[in-house]
């Protein structure tokens, strides 16, 4: 074999190894969480399991923001952004969805992206075309939300909850919502944590928030054509 052919074969072999290494463990570019339908049994649920056996009292005594768990959830297919708060026993997850997955929620759209066509950020308020800096989502030209947690697909919530339980097995339960008000409030707590401030002064306020969002009523409210 000539030296030239030897180098060609070596280069081809190294390229094959590189391509193989890049493909190992890579998630699909897009995932369909609705592919398996909404069939589920109680034993299959990793999220909000305590609500299955009775009313839940969200009387948490500790509150902190978890950057690591937020990063883990945000890396999942279909998630645009994620904020995870942990208490003494539970994880509370706020998410927004994007187009990196399908079947994350029902067909009802809550975000108005018409401004991307007209060149206006929010066509409903052209006189004040800006985003409130205290909010993460205002329903205009943004990621998708879901007013009630039951509107999120079972498989979607299952995947997110499993990721958290794997990384933090000491947590007893995982509560997941994409409610816009919940996302914005969780973002406010996260900002306080980023400043180095304790979240304990917000504990009572937080407990009331999660009690309102994760009530025992399992039927989503009637949905308008668009929630803005």
Protein backbone atom coordinates (compact mmCIF):
# COMPACT_ATOMS: atom_id res chain seq x y z
CA UNK A 1 0.00 0.00 0.00
CA UNK A 2 1.33 3.41 -0.93
CA UNK A 3 1.87 6.07 1.69
CA UNK A 4 -0.75 8.26 0.00
CA UNK A 5 -3.42 5.54 0.14
CA UNK A 6 -2.51 4.80 3.76
CA UNK A 7 -3.15 8.41 4.78
CA UNK A 8 -6.43 8.44 2.84
CA UNK A 9 -7.67 5.33 4.64
CA UNK A 10 -6.55 6.70 8.00
CA UNK A 11 -8.35 9.99 7.41
CA UNK A 12 -11.54 8.19 6.34
CA UNK A 13 -11.41 5.98 9.44
CA UNK A 14 -10.95 8.95 11.77
CA UNK A 15 -13.87 10.76 10.10
CA UNK A 16 -16.08 7.70 10.62
CA UNK A 17 -15.14 7.58 14.31
CA UNK A 18 -15.92 11.29 14.68
CA UNK A 19 -19.35 10.96 13.08
CA UNK A 20 -20.16 7.93 15.24
CA UNK A 21 -19.16 9.78 18.39
CA UNK A 22 -21.33 12.76 17.51
CA UNK A 23 -24.40 10.59 17.01
CA UNK A 24 -24.16 8.76 20.34
CA UNK A 25 -26.71 10.01 22.87
CA UNK A 26 -28.05 12.75 20.64
CA UNK A 27 -31.76 13.45 21.07
CA UNK A 28 -34.06 13.61 18.04
CA UNK A 29 -34.29 17.08 16.51
CA UNK A 30 -38.03 17.11 17.19
CA UNK A 31 -40.17 14.97 19.47
CA UNK A 32 -43.91 14.32 19.35
CA UNK A 33 -45.17 14.06 22.92
CA UNK A 34 -48.67 13.38 21.67
CA UNK A 35 -47.57 10.28 19.76
CA UNK A 36 -48.62 7.90 22.53
CA UNK A 37 -51.88 9.70 23.26
CA UNK A 38 -53.01 10.59 26.73
CA UNK A 39 -53.50 7.06 28.05
CA UNK A 40 -51.96 6.83 31.50
CA UNK A 41 -52.30 5.02 34.79
CA UNK A 42 -51.60 6.35 38.24
CA UNK A 43 -48.50 4.17 38.55
CA UNK A 44 -47.02 5.77 35.43
CA UNK A 45 -47.17 9.34 36.67
CA UNK A 46 -44.02 11.02 37.98
CA UNK A 47 -45.59 14.47 38.38
CA UNK A 48 -48.17 15.83 40.85
CA UNK A 49 -48.72 12.34 42.21
CA UNK A 50 -49.98 13.54 45.59
CA UNK A 51 -53.00 15.13 43.91
CA UNK A 52 -54.13 11.67 42.87
CA UNK A 53 -54.85 10.57 46.42
CA UNK A 54 -56.39 13.72 47.88
CA UNK A 55 -56.15 17.48 48.36
CA UNK A 56 -52.62 18.85 48.65
CA UNK A 57 -51.63 21.51 51.16
CA UNK A 58 -48.74 23.56 49.82
CA UNK A 59 -47.42 24.57 53.22
CA UNK A 60 -43.76 24.61 52.21
CA UNK A 61 -41.26 25.82 54.80
CA UNK A 62 -38.25 26.35 52.52
CA UNK A 63 -37.89 28.00 49.13
CA UNK A 64 -34.93 28.23 46.78
CA UNK A 65 -34.19 28.55 43.08
CA UNK A 66 -32.37 25.67 41.38
CA UNK A 67 -30.24 26.75 38.44
CA UNK A 68 -29.08 23.19 37.75
CA UNK A 69 -32.62 21.75 37.57
CA UNK A 70 -33.76 24.73 35.50
CA UNK A 71 -30.98 24.02 32.99
CA UNK A 72 -31.89 20.33 32.85
CA UNK A 73 -35.55 21.02 32.10
CA UNK A 74 -34.73 23.81 29.63
CA UNK A 75 -32.61 21.35 27.61
CA UNK A 76 -35.59 19.06 26.97
CA UNK A 77 -37.23 18.95 23.55
CA UNK A 78 -40.15 21.37 23.31
CA UNK A 79 -39.02 23.61 26.18
CA UNK A 80 -38.16 27.21 25.41
CA UNK A 81 -37.36 28.23 28.98
CA UNK A 82 -37.72 26.70 32.42
CA UNK A 83 -37.59 27.93 36.00
CA UNK A 84 -37.46 25.40 38.83
CA UNK A 85 -38.01 26.21 42.48
CA UNK A 86 -37.39 23.63 45.17
CA UNK A 87 -38.88 23.45 48.63
CA UNK A 88 -38.25 21.06 51.49
CA UNK A 89 -40.18 18.31 49.69
CA UNK A 90 -41.18 19.38 46.19
CA UNK A 91 -40.10 20.89 42.90
CA UNK A 92 -42.25 23.50 41.17
CA UNK A 93 -41.58 23.92 37.47
CA UNK A 94 -42.58 26.80 35.20
CA UNK A 95 -42.07 26.18 31.48
CA UNK A 96 -42.68 27.85 28.15
CA UNK A 97 -42.87 25.77 24.96
CA UNK A 98 -41.36 26.23 21.51
CA UNK A 99 -41.37 24.47 18.13
CA UNK A 100 -38.59 22.00 18.96
CA UNK A 101 -41.31 19.44 19.72
CA UNK A 102 -44.94 18.76 18.88
CA UNK A 103 -47.80 17.50 21.03
CA UNK A 104 -46.72 19.39 24.17
CA UNK A 105 -50.23 20.84 24.65
CA UNK A 106 -53.63 21.14 23.03
CA UNK A 107 -54.24 23.08 19.83
CA UNK A 108 -55.42 26.27 21.55
CA UNK A 109 -52.90 29.06 21.02
CA UNK A 110 -52.29 31.57 23.81
CA UNK A 111 -49.55 33.60 22.13
CA UNK A 112 -50.14 36.19 19.41
CA UNK A 113 -47.19 36.21 17.01
CA UNK A 114 -48.83 38.39 14.35
CA UNK A 115 -46.39 41.16 15.11
CA UNK A 116 -43.59 39.21 13.44
CA UNK A 117 -45.39 39.75 10.11
CA UNK A 118 -46.15 43.45 10.56
CA UNK A 119 -42.84 44.32 12.18
CA UNK A 120 -44.58 45.40 15.40
CA UNK A 121 -43.73 43.67 18.66
CA UNK A 122 -47.30 43.66 19.96
CA UNK A 123 -50.05 44.52 17.43
CA UNK A 124 -52.53 44.98 20.29
CA UNK A 125 -50.53 47.89 21.74
CA UNK A 126 -48.71 49.58 18.82
CA UNK A 127 -48.50 52.84 20.76
CA UNK A 128 -46.25 51.15 23.34
CA UNK A 129 -44.30 48.59 21.39
CA UNK A 130 -42.15 47.16 24.17
CA UNK A 131 -41.98 44.34 26.67
CA UNK A 132 -42.41 44.85 30.39
CA UNK A 133 -38.90 44.09 31.78
CA UNK A 134 -40.45 42.46 34.84
CA UNK A 135 -42.23 39.84 32.73
CA UNK A 136 -40.88 36.83 30.90
CA UNK A 137 -44.01 36.41 28.78
CA UNK A 138 -46.82 38.82 27.89
CA UNK A 139 -48.53 36.75 25.20
CA UNK A 140 -47.11 38.70 22.24
CA UNK A 141 -44.33 37.38 19.99
CA UNK A 142 -43.18 34.93 22.60
CA UNK A 143 -43.06 31.25 23.48
CA UNK A 144 -46.27 29.30 24.05
CA UNK A 145 -48.02 28.96 27.40
CA UNK A 146 -50.95 26.94 28.78
CA UNK A 147 -53.43 28.49 31.18
CA UNK A 148 -54.03 25.20 33.07
CA UNK A 149 -51.55 22.42 33.80
CA UNK A 150 -53.98 19.77 32.56
CA UNK A 151 -53.64 21.22 29.05
CA UNK A 152 -50.03 19.98 28.92
CA UNK A 153 -49.57 16.52 27.45
CA UNK A 154 -49.04 13.67 29.90
CA UNK A 155 -45.91 12.44 28.16
CA UNK A 156 -44.44 15.95 28.12
CA UNK A 157 -44.90 16.38 31.87
CA UNK A 158 -43.71 12.84 32.45
CA UNK A 159 -40.41 13.45 30.66
CA UNK A 160 -39.76 16.67 32.57
CA UNK A 161 -40.65 15.13 35.93
CA UNK A 162 -38.45 12.09 35.30
CA UNK A 163 -35.49 14.36 34.56
CA UNK A 164 -35.97 16.15 37.87
CA UNK A 165 -36.53 12.97 39.87
CA UNK A 166 -33.38 11.44 38.40
CA UNK A 167 -31.29 14.48 39.32
CA UNK A 168 -32.94 15.16 42.69
CA UNK A 169 -34.41 11.88 44.03
CA UNK A 170 -34.93 13.40 47.48
CA UNK A 171 -37.85 15.47 46.16
CA UNK A 172 -41.20 13.81 46.90
CA UNK A 173 -43.22 15.37 44.09
CA UNK A 174 -42.96 17.54 40.98
CA UNK A 175 -45.51 20.19 39.98
CA UNK A 176 -45.41 21.49 36.40
CA UNK A 177 -47.26 24.42 34.84
CA UNK A 178 -46.97 26.68 31.80
CA UNK A 179 -49.48 29.24 33.09
CA UNK A 180 -48.29 32.68 31.98
CA UNK A 181 -48.86 34.40 35.33
CA UNK A 182 -47.10 31.54 37.07
CA UNK A 183 -44.14 31.80 34.67
CA UNK A 184 -43.83 35.54 35.28
CA UNK A 185 -44.00 35.18 39.06
CA UNK A 186 -41.44 32.39 39.06
CA UNK A 187 -39.21 34.59 36.91
CA UNK A 188 -39.49 37.32 39.54
CA UNK A 189 -38.34 34.92 42.26
CA UNK A 190 -35.49 33.73 40.06
CA UNK A 191 -34.33 37.31 39.54
CA UNK A 192 -34.20 37.82 43.30
CA UNK A 193 -32.13 34.67 43.65
CA UNK A 194 -29.74 35.81 40.89
CA UNK A 195 -29.20 39.01 42.89
CA UNK A 196 -28.09 36.87 45.82
CA UNK A 197 -31.24 37.51 47.86
CA UNK A 198 -32.93 34.87 49.99
CA UNK A 199 -36.35 33.73 48.83
CA UNK A 200 -37.60 32.98 52.35
CA UNK A 201 -39.36 36.40 52.64
CA UNK A 202 -41.48 35.34 49.65
CA UNK A 203 -42.46 31.96 51.09
CA UNK A 204 -46.05 32.78 52.12
CA UNK A 205 -46.65 34.53 48.81
CA UNK A 206 -45.20 31.56 46.95
CA UNK A 207 -47.33 29.04 48.86
CA UNK A 208 -50.47 30.98 47.95
CA UNK A 209 -49.38 31.14 44.30
CA UNK A 210 -48.82 27.39 43.95
CA UNK A 211 -52.03 26.65 45.85
CA UNK A 212 -53.93 28.73 43.30
CA UNK A 213 -52.14 27.20 40.29
CA UNK A 214 -52.14 23.57 41.42
CA UNK A 215 -55.58 23.29 42.99
CA UNK A 216 -57.25 19.91 43.30
CA UNK A 217 -59.73 20.71 40.52
CA UNK A 218 -58.56 18.62 37.54
CA UNK A 219 -60.83 20.08 34.85
CA UNK A 220 -59.26 22.93 32.83
CA UNK A 221 -61.32 26.10 32.49
CA UNK A 222 -63.07 26.84 29.17
CA UNK A 223 -60.55 27.96 26.57
CA UNK A 224 -60.97 31.04 24.35
CA UNK A 225 -59.68 31.04 20.78
CA UNK A 226 -56.65 33.02 21.90
CA UNK A 227 -55.56 34.05 25.38
CA UNK A 228 -53.68 37.37 25.34
